[in-house]
């Protein structure tokens, strides 16, 4: 069974992890989050590249050989994916905003990208829009408060709906938009609440299922040299502080300072 490592700055990547687990339930999984620098949307490109380079250096420290890495963070993927791939022969799958499917689906030709500041502002995102959203108006919106709300909701299972509503009203997505690209993997954690706020006439589109299909394709037909005994999910954090995830898995410490 393959060992898949999923990486994000926080718990946002668990929204991608769940899609992968659905397609590949027998795989072994490790989840690594750099929550000491959360959110990545406020970090520099150099900092993000350095943290991922350190992750690659630590890759042999894991209990099992890693067969594939998923950078389940739009910001990290758009700013550091190419540089990180040069450091290892392990296949790496990145996550980028789902501009292409949103453009194909939109009837009003009005799309909104809701992401972190780093993802909304970078050149890679602009190139995605230029290439795949011809004939559409794409409005760029950014929020780090939604990241914080999603983090709190994941760990505490409580959500301040007043704070969420205030943030969404402040973001102020145009009423003519019929497709919102969730360009941060944290945002699908709030999907139910976002759907209630925006209504059934707006489609919320993320990359989770597409990424899972890509992972499935890359691992298809490949056999692991390890035993068939499936180990429980391993959860790592740069600032663990005794945190336990929803499945009761305690976060273990990992150092991404190199």
Protein backbone atom coordinates (compact mmCIF):
# COMPACT_ATOMS: atom_id res chain seq x y z
CA UNK A 1 0.00 0.00 0.00
CA UNK A 2 1.38 3.45 -0.90
CA UNK A 3 2.30 6.06 1.70
CA UNK A 4 0.89 9.50 0.85
CA UNK A 5 2.08 12.61 2.68
CA UNK A 6 -0.31 15.57 2.66
CA UNK A 7 1.10 18.98 3.58
CA UNK A 8 -0.52 22.33 4.43
CA UNK A 9 0.07 25.30 6.69
CA UNK A 10 -2.87 24.20 8.85
CA UNK A 11 -5.88 21.90 8.73
CA UNK A 12 -7.09 23.11 5.34
CA UNK A 13 -5.37 20.20 3.62
CA UNK A 14 -7.65 17.78 5.46
CA UNK A 15 -10.37 18.82 2.99
CA UNK A 16 -8.15 17.41 0.21
CA UNK A 17 -7.07 14.46 2.35
CA UNK A 18 -10.69 13.34 2.74
CA UNK A 19 -11.15 13.22 -1.05
CA UNK A 20 -7.97 11.16 -1.46
CA UNK A 21 -8.95 8.77 1.33
CA UNK A 22 -12.31 8.19 -0.36
CA UNK A 23 -10.58 7.09 -3.59
CA UNK A 24 -7.65 5.29 -1.95
CA UNK A 25 -8.96 3.93 1.36
CA UNK A 26 -6.20 1.33 1.77
CA UNK A 27 -3.30 3.78 1.45
CA UNK A 28 -1.14 4.88 4.35
CA UNK A 29 -1.36 8.60 5.20
CA UNK A 30 0.74 11.17 7.01
CA UNK A 31 -0.52 14.72 7.45
CA UNK A 32 2.00 17.51 8.08
CA UNK A 33 1.01 21.07 8.91
CA UNK A 34 3.27 24.07 9.39
CA UNK A 35 0.91 25.74 11.83
CA UNK A 36 3.76 27.70 13.44
CA UNK A 37 3.62 29.94 10.35
CA UNK A 38 -0.14 29.79 9.76
CA UNK A 39 -1.47 31.28 7.53
CA UNK A 40 0.85 30.88 4.56
CA UNK A 41 -1.14 33.60 2.83
CA UNK A 42 0.82 36.11 4.92
CA UNK A 43 4.26 34.51 4.39
CA UNK A 44 6.84 35.41 1.77
CA UNK A 45 7.57 33.16 -1.20
CA UNK A 46 11.12 32.65 0.07
CA UNK A 47 9.87 31.53 3.48
CA UNK A 48 7.42 29.02 2.00
CA UNK A 49 10.05 27.58 -0.33
CA UNK A 50 12.45 27.22 2.60
CA UNK A 51 9.89 25.36 4.73
CA UNK A 52 9.08 22.92 1.94
CA UNK A 53 12.79 22.38 1.27
CA UNK A 54 13.18 21.45 4.91
CA UNK A 55 10.24 19.03 4.65
CA UNK A 56 12.04 17.28 1.79
CA UNK A 57 15.19 17.02 3.93
CA UNK A 58 13.12 15.43 6.71
CA UNK A 59 11.35 12.98 4.40
CA UNK A 60 13.58 10.03 5.34
CA UNK A 61 12.75 10.52 9.01
CA UNK A 62 9.22 9.22 8.52
CA UNK A 63 8.43 5.71 9.71
CA UNK A 64 7.56 4.56 6.18
CA UNK A 65 8.97 5.52 2.80
CA UNK A 66 6.90 8.32 1.25
CA UNK A 67 5.59 7.40 -2.22
CA UNK A 68 3.84 10.67 -3.08
CA UNK A 69 3.54 14.17 -1.63
CA UNK A 70 0.46 16.38 -1.92
CA UNK A 71 1.01 20.09 -1.26
CA UNK A 72 -2.58 20.72 -0.24
CA UNK A 73 -2.19 24.47 -0.05
CA UNK A 74 -2.94 26.84 -2.93
CA UNK A 75 -0.45 29.44 -1.70
CA UNK A 76 2.39 26.94 -1.25
CA UNK A 77 1.63 25.28 -4.59
CA UNK A 78 1.54 28.51 -6.58
CA UNK A 79 4.71 29.84 -4.93
CA UNK A 80 6.88 26.80 -4.25
CA UNK A 81 5.73 23.74 -6.21
CA UNK A 82 8.25 24.06 -9.06
CA UNK A 83 11.16 24.73 -6.70
CA UNK A 84 10.24 21.83 -4.41
CA UNK A 85 9.95 19.33 -7.28
CA UNK A 86 13.60 20.01 -8.10
CA UNK A 87 14.64 18.72 -4.67
CA UNK A 88 13.26 15.18 -4.83
CA UNK A 89 12.35 12.35 -7.16
CA UNK A 90 9.16 11.69 -5.18
CA UNK A 91 6.10 12.70 -7.23
CA UNK A 92 4.50 15.90 -5.91
CA UNK A 93 0.93 16.94 -6.61
CA UNK A 94 0.00 20.58 -6.02
CA UNK A 95 -3.30 22.36 -5.55
CA UNK A 96 -4.16 25.40 -7.64
CA UNK A 97 -7.38 27.44 -7.82
CA UNK A 98 -10.08 25.71 -9.89
CA UNK A 99 -10.36 28.54 -12.42
CA UNK A 100 -10.71 26.27 -15.45
CA UNK A 101 -13.76 24.26 -14.26
CA UNK A 102 -15.41 27.42 -12.90
CA UNK A 103 -15.05 29.16 -16.27
CA UNK A 104 -16.52 26.13 -18.03
CA UNK A 105 -19.45 25.99 -15.62
CA UNK A 106 -20.35 29.67 -15.24
CA UNK A 107 -23.46 30.78 -17.11
CA UNK A 108 -23.24 34.45 -16.15
CA UNK A 109 -19.53 34.57 -17.11
CA UNK A 110 -18.90 36.16 -13.72
CA UNK A 111 -16.55 34.26 -11.42
CA UNK A 112 -15.11 35.11 -8.03
CA UNK A 113 -11.85 33.73 -6.70
CA UNK A 114 -11.88 33.64 -2.91
CA UNK A 115 -8.37 32.93 -1.62
CA UNK A 116 -5.63 34.19 0.67
CA UNK A 117 -3.76 37.41 -0.26
CA UNK A 118 -0.69 35.51 -1.50
CA UNK A 119 -2.75 33.30 -3.82
CA UNK A 120 -4.94 36.12 -5.12
CA UNK A 121 -1.99 38.37 -5.91
CA UNK A 122 0.57 36.05 -7.47
CA UNK A 123 1.60 35.70 -11.09
CA UNK A 124 0.68 32.02 -11.33
CA UNK A 125 -2.95 32.76 -10.45
CA UNK A 126 -3.04 35.56 -13.00
CA UNK A 127 -1.72 33.18 -15.66
CA UNK A 128 -4.43 30.63 -14.80
CA UNK A 129 -7.07 33.31 -15.28
CA UNK A 130 -5.57 34.51 -18.55
CA UNK A 131 -5.34 30.98 -19.94
CA UNK A 132 -8.56 29.38 -18.73
CA UNK A 133 -11.07 32.17 -18.09
CA UNK A 134 -11.21 33.91 -21.46
CA UNK A 135 -14.58 35.59 -21.87
CA UNK A 136 -15.20 35.65 -18.12
CA UNK A 137 -14.83 38.41 -15.60
CA UNK A 138 -12.93 37.07 -12.61
CA UNK A 139 -13.16 39.09 -9.40
CA UNK A 140 -10.34 38.53 -6.90
CA UNK A 141 -11.21 38.45 -3.20
CA UNK A 142 -8.91 37.66 -0.30
CA UNK A 143 -9.37 36.67 3.32
CA UNK A 144 -7.23 35.32 6.13
CA UNK A 145 -10.04 35.64 8.67
CA UNK A 146 -11.85 32.75 6.98
CA UNK A 147 -8.72 30.67 7.52
CA UNK A 148 -8.82 31.41 11.24
CA UNK A 149 -12.54 30.62 11.41
CA UNK A 150 -12.02 27.31 9.62
CA UNK A 151 -9.15 26.40 11.95
CA UNK A 152 -11.28 27.11 15.02
CA UNK A 153 -14.21 25.17 13.58
CA UNK A 154 -12.03 22.14 12.85
CA UNK A 155 -10.46 21.96 16.30
CA UNK A 156 -13.32 23.21 18.48
CA UNK A 157 -16.34 22.15 16.39
CA UNK A 158 -17.89 25.55 17.10
CA UNK A 159 -18.30 28.48 14.74
CA UNK A 160 -19.16 32.12 15.43
CA UNK A 161 -21.75 32.69 12.70
CA UNK A 162 -21.82 36.43 13.38
CA UNK A 163 -18.07 36.69 12.67
CA UNK A 164 -18.47 34.56 9.56
CA UNK A 165 -21.36 36.64 8.26
CA UNK A 166 -19.49 39.87 8.97
CA UNK A 167 -16.44 38.63 7.04
CA UNK A 168 -18.49 37.46 4.06
CA UNK A 169 -20.35 40.76 3.94
CA UNK A 170 -17.02 42.59 4.05
CA UNK A 171 -15.68 40.44 1.19
CA UNK A 172 -18.79 41.53 -0.74
CA UNK A 173 -18.88 39.19 -3.73
CA UNK A 174 -20.99 40.63 -6.57
CA UNK A 175 -24.55 39.29 -6.91
CA UNK A 176 -23.97 38.47 -10.59
CA UNK A 177 -21.30 35.91 -9.73
CA UNK A 178 -22.59 32.36 -10.16
CA UNK A 179 -19.34 30.44 -9.46
CA UNK A 180 -17.04 31.02 -6.49
CA UNK A 181 -13.66 29.32 -6.61
CA UNK A 182 -12.58 28.32 -3.11
CA UNK A 183 -8.90 29.05 -3.65
CA UNK A 184 -7.80 28.04 -0.16
CA UNK A 185 -8.11 24.48 1.10
CA UNK A 186 -9.38 25.80 4.45
CA UNK A 187 -12.53 27.17 2.88
CA UNK A 188 -14.25 23.83 2.04
CA UNK A 189 -14.26 23.17 5.79
CA UNK A 190 -16.88 25.96 5.91
CA UNK A 191 -18.73 24.75 2.79
CA UNK A 192 -22.09 24.16 4.50
CA UNK A 193 -22.12 27.65 6.00
CA UNK A 194 -20.90 29.27 2.77
CA UNK A 195 -23.64 27.53 0.78
CA UNK A 196 -26.26 28.89 3.16
CA UNK A 197 -24.88 32.41 2.86
CA UNK A 198 -24.52 32.55 -0.93
CA UNK A 199 -27.58 30.52 -1.85
CA UNK A 200 -28.30 27.71 -4.28
CA UNK A 201 -27.77 29.88 -7.38
CA UNK A 202 -24.03 30.07 -6.64
CA UNK A 203 -21.74 27.07 -7.15
CA UNK A 204 -18.75 26.67 -4.83
CA UNK A 205 -15.89 25.01 -6.67
CA UNK A 206 -12.69 23.59 -5.19
CA UNK A 207 -9.92 21.28 -6.40
CA UNK A 208 -10.27 18.47 -3.85
CA UNK A 209 -11.78 15.77 -6.05
CA UNK A 210 -9.57 16.63 -9.03
CA UNK A 211 -6.46 16.36 -6.85
CA UNK A 212 -7.61 12.98 -5.53
CA UNK A 213 -8.11 11.72 -9.09
CA UNK A 214 -4.60 12.90 -10.00
CA UNK A 215 -3.12 11.08 -7.01
CA UNK A 216 -5.04 7.93 -7.94
CA UNK A 217 -3.73 8.14 -11.51
CA UNK A 218 -0.09 8.59 -10.46
CA UNK A 219 -0.24 5.64 -8.05
CA UNK A 220 -2.24 3.33 -10.28
CA UNK A 221 -0.50 0.03 -10.78
CA UNK A 222 2.37 0.92 -8.45
CA UNK A 223 3.14 -1.52 -5.68
CA UNK A 224 4.70 -0.62 -2.37
CA UNK A 225 7.52 -2.75 -0.96
CA UNK A 226 6.07 -2.56 2.54
CA UNK A 227 3.77 -4.98 4.33
CA UNK A 228 0.04 -4.84 3.77
CA UNK A 229 -0.67 -3.80 7.38
CA UNK A 230 -2.38 -0.41 7.30
CA UNK A 231 -1.14 1.96 9.98
CA UNK A 232 -3.33 4.71 11.45
CA UNK A 233 -3.11 8.26 10.13
CA UNK A 234 -0.01 10.08 11.38
CA UNK A 235 -0.53 13.76 12.21
CA UNK A 236 2.43 16.15 12.50
CA UNK A 237 2.62 19.86 13.39
CA UNK A 238 5.36 22.43 13.79
CA UNK A 239 3.56 23.78 16.88
CA UNK A 240 1.64 20.74 18.20
CA UNK A 241 0.82 21.97 21.75
CA UNK A 242 -0.92 18.68 22.53
CA UNK A 243 -3.53 19.13 19.79
CA UNK A 244 -5.75 16.17 18.91
CA UNK A 245 -7.64 16.03 15.62
CA UNK A 246 -11.28 15.04 15.04
CA UNK A 247 -10.36 11.35 14.81
CA UNK A 248 -8.55 11.51 18.15
CA UNK A 249 -5.07 11.47 16.62
CA UNK A 250 -2.57 13.49 18.67
CA UNK A 251 -0.24 15.75 16.67
CA UNK A 252 3.42 14.87 16.82
CA UNK A 253 6.09 17.54 16.55
CA UNK A 254 8.05 18.15 13.36
CA UNK A 255 10.76 20.77 12.87
CA UNK A 256 10.80 22.61 9.53
CA UNK A 257 13.68 24.94 10.47
CA UNK A 258 16.72 24.01 8.40
